[in-house]
């Protein structure tokens, strides 16, 4: 199977911020601010489950270039093994999964409805204390958004996590509801 490439664009118009999806046929918006338009573009990209994602940002425009295709055989086998262990929804398994995510940018959804894009900094206390350390990339949905800034160091409890997705490929590596 040959790879297929699409570009999602977020750009400003006199009406507001628009999202041009996929091959340019459909547009979403207008949105009042760029951040909301970007989050809608990322939702659209995630639903398509790309094998690769590259994000670029220039003055007045944001782009997500996605590639769809078969993953390399070695990563496909690793993903199947990982999926069997990961998607059973137990926090004990999440504690084991977290160590493989150190240094990764992930989207974490919590049971209370909060959602953050985070970099996993340390999972050393995941097994014993049930916590992991992160740095905030973007607070997508939080109770007090004015208190959460990019770069803020935060600690979260494993038992509060509902879902984790790796940002670079939009793959879900943990979902408490599956299983």
Foldseek 3Di string as FASTA:
>chain_A
DDKDKFKWKWFADPQAIKIQDGNRPDIDDRDNDRVVRVVVNLVVVLVVQFQFWDWDDDVGMIMIMGMHDDDPPVVVVVVVVLCVQAAPQDLVSVLVVLVVQAQFFKWWAWPVGWIFTWHFHASPCCVPPQKTKTFTQGGPDDDDVVVHDGGDIDMDGSVGTAWMAGVRRSHTSHHNPGD
